[in-house]
Amino acid sequence: MELETGDNIMCTVDRIVGTIVFVKIDGTNKEGSITFSEISPGRIRNIRDFVTPKKKIICKVLKLSGDHIGLSLRRVTPKEQKEIREQYQQEQSYKNILKRIIGEKGQEIIDEISKQERIYDFFEEAKQDPSKLEKLIGAESTQKVIEILKSHKQKEVAIKKEIKLTTTNPKGLTIIKKLLDREDAEIKYISAGRYTIKTSANNLKDADKKQKEIQEEIEKETKKQGIEFQIK
């Protein structure tokens, strides 16, 4: 599994040495480190109030330099914490389904997938395109796995952002209404030029991506129409 700066990942605390916390990154054979300053924004009186060996924590990747992986605990938002924990639980379910269908070779397949990508991402993609899974376990077993996966309902993640649109154009309101009439997001009027854009997806990353794309499209069109665009 390749990591990128900004990724939120599940980790298991391994040891505490001086002012450094060392963790094992779940689903990989990699190790990361967290300085005390990245544990909590406030003063730390007792580090074990935050981390203890074998405790599972969610970290954000800050820096990748060779084999060194710098992580942060304090920069992960409560929403991101919730999302990763839900994904972790879903990932355990995916592993159990695979083991149930193909038996003792299940763990071997899981280890092989983990070398390339996250188990969660692999199976989310498999729901839409099972070709990679078929190469690993065959068409018949894949069909059984996909049937179970699709029978599980998944809770969507939503992101809401506020924007402000202002114009002196007499037809400005009509133009704005037309710009905000979209089917790919829920857009609501708040007050005088203020609106909220709500996007939903199966995970925070996709919801955020959709949100940014919509904002960019709206900003591009407002510039053409001489409308001032601001993200609150």
Protein backbone atom coordinates (compact mmCIF):
# COMPACT_ATOMS: atom_id res chain seq x y z
CA MET A 1 0.00 0.00 0.00
CA GLU A 2 1.49 3.32 -1.09
CA LEU A 3 1.07 6.22 1.32
CA GLU A 4 0.69 9.88 0.41
CA THR A 5 1.05 13.06 2.45
CA GLY A 6 -2.34 13.92 3.94
CA ASP A 7 -3.58 10.33 4.14
CA ASN A 8 -5.43 9.33 7.30
CA ILE A 9 -4.44 5.83 8.42
CA MET A 10 -5.14 3.35 11.19
CA CYS A 11 -2.08 2.60 13.32
CA THR A 12 -1.20 0.51 16.36
CA VAL A 13 1.06 2.05 19.00
CA ASP A 14 4.23 -0.02 19.31
CA ARG A 15 6.49 1.79 21.76
CA ILE A 16 7.36 5.16 23.29
CA VAL A 17 11.01 6.20 23.26
CA GLY A 18 11.88 9.55 24.81
CA THR A 19 9.59 12.10 23.13
CA ILE A 20 8.80 9.92 20.11
CA VAL A 21 5.88 7.52 19.71
CA PHE A 22 6.49 4.68 17.26
CA VAL A 23 3.54 2.97 15.58
CA LYS A 24 2.91 0.09 13.22
CA ILE A 25 0.81 1.12 10.21
CA ASP A 26 -2.05 -1.34 9.88
CA GLY A 27 -2.18 -3.39 6.69
CA THR A 28 1.51 -2.83 5.98
CA ASN A 29 4.90 -3.79 7.38
CA LYS A 30 5.79 -0.12 7.76
CA GLU A 31 6.53 1.88 10.89
CA GLY A 32 5.78 5.54 11.53
CA SER A 33 6.71 8.01 14.25
CA ILE A 34 4.90 10.83 16.06
CA THR A 35 6.66 13.57 18.00
CA PHE A 36 5.00 14.67 21.24
CA SER A 37 4.12 18.03 19.63
CA GLU A 38 1.94 16.16 17.13
CA ILE A 39 0.10 14.15 19.78
CA SER A 40 -2.02 16.98 21.20
CA PRO A 41 -2.21 20.78 20.70
CA GLY A 42 -2.07 21.40 24.45
CA ARG A 43 0.51 20.63 27.09
CA ILE A 44 1.00 16.91 27.67
CA ARG A 45 1.33 16.01 31.34
CA ASN A 46 1.11 12.25 30.83
CA ILE A 47 1.65 10.83 27.34
CA ARG A 48 -0.17 7.65 28.34
CA ASP A 49 -3.39 9.64 28.58
CA PHE A 50 -3.21 9.72 24.78
CA VAL A 51 -1.22 6.68 23.64
CA THR A 52 -0.28 3.33 25.13
CA PRO A 53 1.31 0.27 23.49
CA LYS A 54 -1.16 -1.82 21.43
CA LYS A 55 -3.70 1.02 21.31
CA LYS A 56 -5.20 1.68 17.87
CA ILE A 57 -5.07 5.33 16.82
CA ILE A 58 -5.77 7.26 13.62
CA CYS A 59 -2.95 9.40 12.27
CA LYS A 60 -2.37 11.81 9.40
CA VAL A 61 0.69 11.37 7.20
CA LEU A 62 2.78 14.55 7.49
CA LYS A 63 6.05 13.63 5.81
CA LEU A 64 7.48 10.84 3.68
CA SER A 65 11.24 10.75 3.45
CA GLY A 66 12.79 7.47 2.41
CA ASP A 67 11.77 4.88 5.00
CA HIS A 68 10.80 7.58 7.50
CA ILE A 69 7.08 8.27 7.86
CA GLY A 70 6.21 11.29 10.00
CA LEU A 71 2.71 11.21 11.46
CA SER A 72 0.35 13.41 13.45
CA LEU A 73 -2.42 12.45 15.84
CA ARG A 74 -3.65 15.94 16.70
CA ARG A 75 -4.31 17.01 13.09
CA VAL A 76 -6.95 14.36 12.45
CA THR A 77 -10.41 15.93 12.75
CA PRO A 78 -13.27 14.21 14.63
CA LYS A 79 -15.05 13.68 11.30
CA GLU A 80 -11.96 12.02 9.82
CA GLN A 81 -11.58 9.90 12.97
CA LYS A 82 -15.14 8.66 12.59
CA GLU A 83 -14.76 7.92 8.90
CA ILE A 84 -11.54 5.92 9.28
CA ARG A 85 -12.96 3.91 12.18
CA GLU A 86 -16.04 3.08 10.11
CA GLN A 87 -13.84 2.08 7.18
CA TYR A 88 -11.69 -0.06 9.48
CA GLN A 89 -14.77 -1.93 10.72
CA GLN A 90 -15.97 -2.34 7.13
CA GLU A 91 -12.53 -3.62 6.13
CA GLN A 92 -12.66 -6.30 8.83
CA SER A 93 -16.04 -7.34 7.43
CA TYR A 94 -14.57 -7.60 3.90
CA LYS A 95 -11.76 -9.80 5.19
CA ASN A 96 -14.22 -12.10 6.97
CA ILE A 97 -16.36 -12.41 3.85
CA LEU A 98 -13.36 -13.36 1.74
CA LYS A 99 -12.20 -15.96 4.26
CA ARG A 100 -15.70 -17.40 4.46
CA ILE A 101 -15.92 -17.82 0.69
CA ILE A 102 -12.45 -19.16 -0.13
CA GLY A 103 -11.39 -20.67 3.19
CA GLU A 104 -7.80 -21.03 4.34
CA LYS A 105 -6.35 -19.16 1.35
CA GLY A 106 -8.23 -16.05 2.40
CA GLN A 107 -5.43 -14.60 4.52
CA GLU A 108 -2.92 -15.23 1.72
CA ILE A 109 -5.10 -13.23 -0.71
CA ILE A 110 -5.57 -10.46 1.86
CA ASP A 111 -1.81 -10.17 2.33
CA GLU A 112 -1.32 -9.99 -1.44
CA ILE A 113 -3.91 -7.21 -1.82
CA SER A 114 -2.40 -5.26 1.10
CA LYS A 115 0.96 -5.05 -0.66
CA GLN A 116 -0.66 -2.95 -3.40
CA GLU A 117 -3.49 -1.02 -1.76
CA ARG A 118 -5.88 -0.75 1.17
CA ILE A 119 -8.28 -3.67 1.59
CA TYR A 120 -11.16 -1.18 1.94
CA ASP A 121 -10.35 0.59 -1.35
CA PHE A 122 -9.85 -2.71 -3.17
CA PHE A 123 -13.28 -4.08 -2.27
CA GLU A 124 -15.06 -0.76 -2.82
CA GLU A 125 -13.66 -0.80 -6.36
CA ALA A 126 -14.56 -4.48 -6.74
CA LYS A 127 -18.24 -3.63 -6.25
CA GLN A 128 -18.08 -1.67 -9.51
CA ASP A 129 -15.36 -3.59 -11.36
CA PRO A 130 -14.61 -7.10 -10.03
CA SER A 131 -11.94 -7.91 -12.65
CA LYS A 132 -8.99 -7.62 -10.23
CA LEU A 133 -10.73 -9.82 -7.68
CA GLU A 134 -11.51 -12.41 -10.36
CA LYS A 135 -7.81 -12.69 -11.19
CA LEU A 136 -7.11 -13.57 -7.56
CA ILE A 137 -9.94 -15.95 -6.66
CA GLY A 138 -11.75 -16.84 -9.91
CA ALA A 139 -15.12 -15.84 -11.36
CA GLU A 140 -17.31 -18.15 -9.29
CA SER A 141 -15.91 -17.11 -5.89
CA THR A 142 -15.88 -13.46 -6.98
CA GLN A 143 -19.59 -13.59 -7.81
CA LYS A 144 -20.36 -14.94 -4.33
CA VAL A 145 -18.26 -12.23 -2.68
CA ILE A 146 -19.82 -9.42 -4.74
CA GLU A 147 -23.34 -10.62 -3.98
CA ILE A 148 -22.61 -10.36 -0.26
CA LEU A 149 -20.87 -6.98 -0.62
CA LYS A 150 -23.76 -5.45 -2.53
CA SER A 151 -26.26 -6.73 0.02
CA HIS A 152 -24.57 -4.62 2.70
CA LYS A 153 -25.90 -1.07 2.85
CA GLN A 154 -23.23 1.58 3.33
CA LYS A 155 -23.76 4.88 5.10
CA GLU A 156 -22.89 7.91 3.01
CA VAL A 157 -20.55 10.65 4.20
CA ALA A 158 -21.57 14.28 3.64
CA ILE A 159 -19.57 17.52 3.47
CA LYS A 160 -21.17 20.94 3.72
CA LYS A 161 -19.45 24.20 2.75
CA GLU A 162 -20.70 27.78 2.69
CA ILE A 163 -20.13 30.12 -0.26
CA LYS A 164 -20.97 33.75 -0.86
CA LEU A 165 -22.00 35.21 -4.21
CA THR A 166 -22.37 38.96 -4.72
CA THR A 167 -23.10 41.03 -7.83
CA THR A 168 -24.36 44.44 -8.90
CA ASN A 169 -25.81 43.03 -12.12
CA PRO A 170 -29.59 43.67 -12.21
CA LYS A 171 -30.05 40.12 -13.51
CA GLY A 172 -27.58 38.73 -10.97
CA LEU A 173 -30.13 36.80 -8.91
CA THR A 174 -31.45 35.02 -11.99
CA ILE A 175 -27.92 34.14 -13.08
CA ILE A 176 -27.02 32.82 -9.62
CA LYS A 177 -30.16 30.68 -9.42
CA LYS A 178 -29.28 29.10 -12.74
CA LEU A 179 -25.68 28.43 -11.62
CA LEU A 180 -26.82 26.77 -8.41
CA ASP A 181 -29.49 24.59 -10.01
CA ARG A 182 -27.56 21.31 -9.84
CA GLU A 183 -28.42 17.64 -9.45
CA ASP A 184 -25.01 16.55 -8.10
CA ALA A 185 -25.26 18.51 -4.83
CA GLU A 186 -27.77 19.89 -2.36
CA ILE A 187 -27.53 23.69 -2.43
CA LYS A 188 -29.52 25.83 -0.01
CA TYR A 189 -30.03 29.58 0.39
CA ILE A 190 -29.08 30.97 3.83
CA SER A 191 -29.34 34.75 3.51
CA ALA A 192 -28.23 37.69 1.33
CA GLY A 193 -25.80 36.05 -1.06
CA ARG A 194 -24.93 33.15 1.25
CA TYR A 195 -25.48 29.52 0.26
CA THR A 196 -24.45 26.06 1.47
CA ILE A 197 -23.26 23.27 -0.81
CA LYS A 198 -23.70 19.73 0.49
CA THR A 199 -22.04 16.79 -1.30
CA SER A 200 -22.33 13.12 -0.38
CA ALA A 201 -20.32 10.00 -1.21
CA ASN A 202 -19.34 6.63 0.24
CA ASN A 203 -16.26 8.16 1.86
CA LEU A 204 -14.89 11.52 2.97
CA LYS A 205 -12.25 11.66 0.24
CA ASP A 206 -14.79 11.29 -2.60
CA ALA A 207 -17.25 13.69 -0.97
CA ASP A 208 -14.48 16.29 -0.60
CA LYS A 209 -13.35 15.76 -4.21
CA LYS A 210 -16.91 16.27 -5.47
CA GLN A 211 -17.25 19.39 -3.29
CA LYS A 212 -14.07 20.95 -4.72
CA GLU A 213 -15.04 20.16 -8.31
CA ILE A 214 -18.43 21.84 -7.86
CA GLN A 215 -16.87 24.89 -6.22
CA GLU A 216 -14.38 25.20 -9.09
CA GLU A 217 -17.14 24.97 -11.68
CA ILE A 218 -19.24 27.60 -9.93
CA GLU A 219 -16.26 29.92 -9.46
CA LYS A 220 -15.33 29.60 -13.15
CA GLU A 221 -18.84 30.50 -14.27
CA THR A 222 -19.25 33.38 -11.81
CA LYS A 223 -16.06 35.00 -13.12
CA LYS A 224 -17.53 34.94 -16.63
CA GLN A 225 -20.67 36.64 -15.34
CA GLY A 226 -18.87 39.25 -13.21
CA ILE A 227 -20.09 37.72 -9.94
CA GLU A 228 -17.84 37.75 -6.88
CA PHE A 229 -17.28 34.26 -5.43
CA GLN A 230 -16.08 33.52 -1.89
CA ILE A 231 -15.73 30.34 0.14
CA LYS A 232 -16.60 30.99 3.78
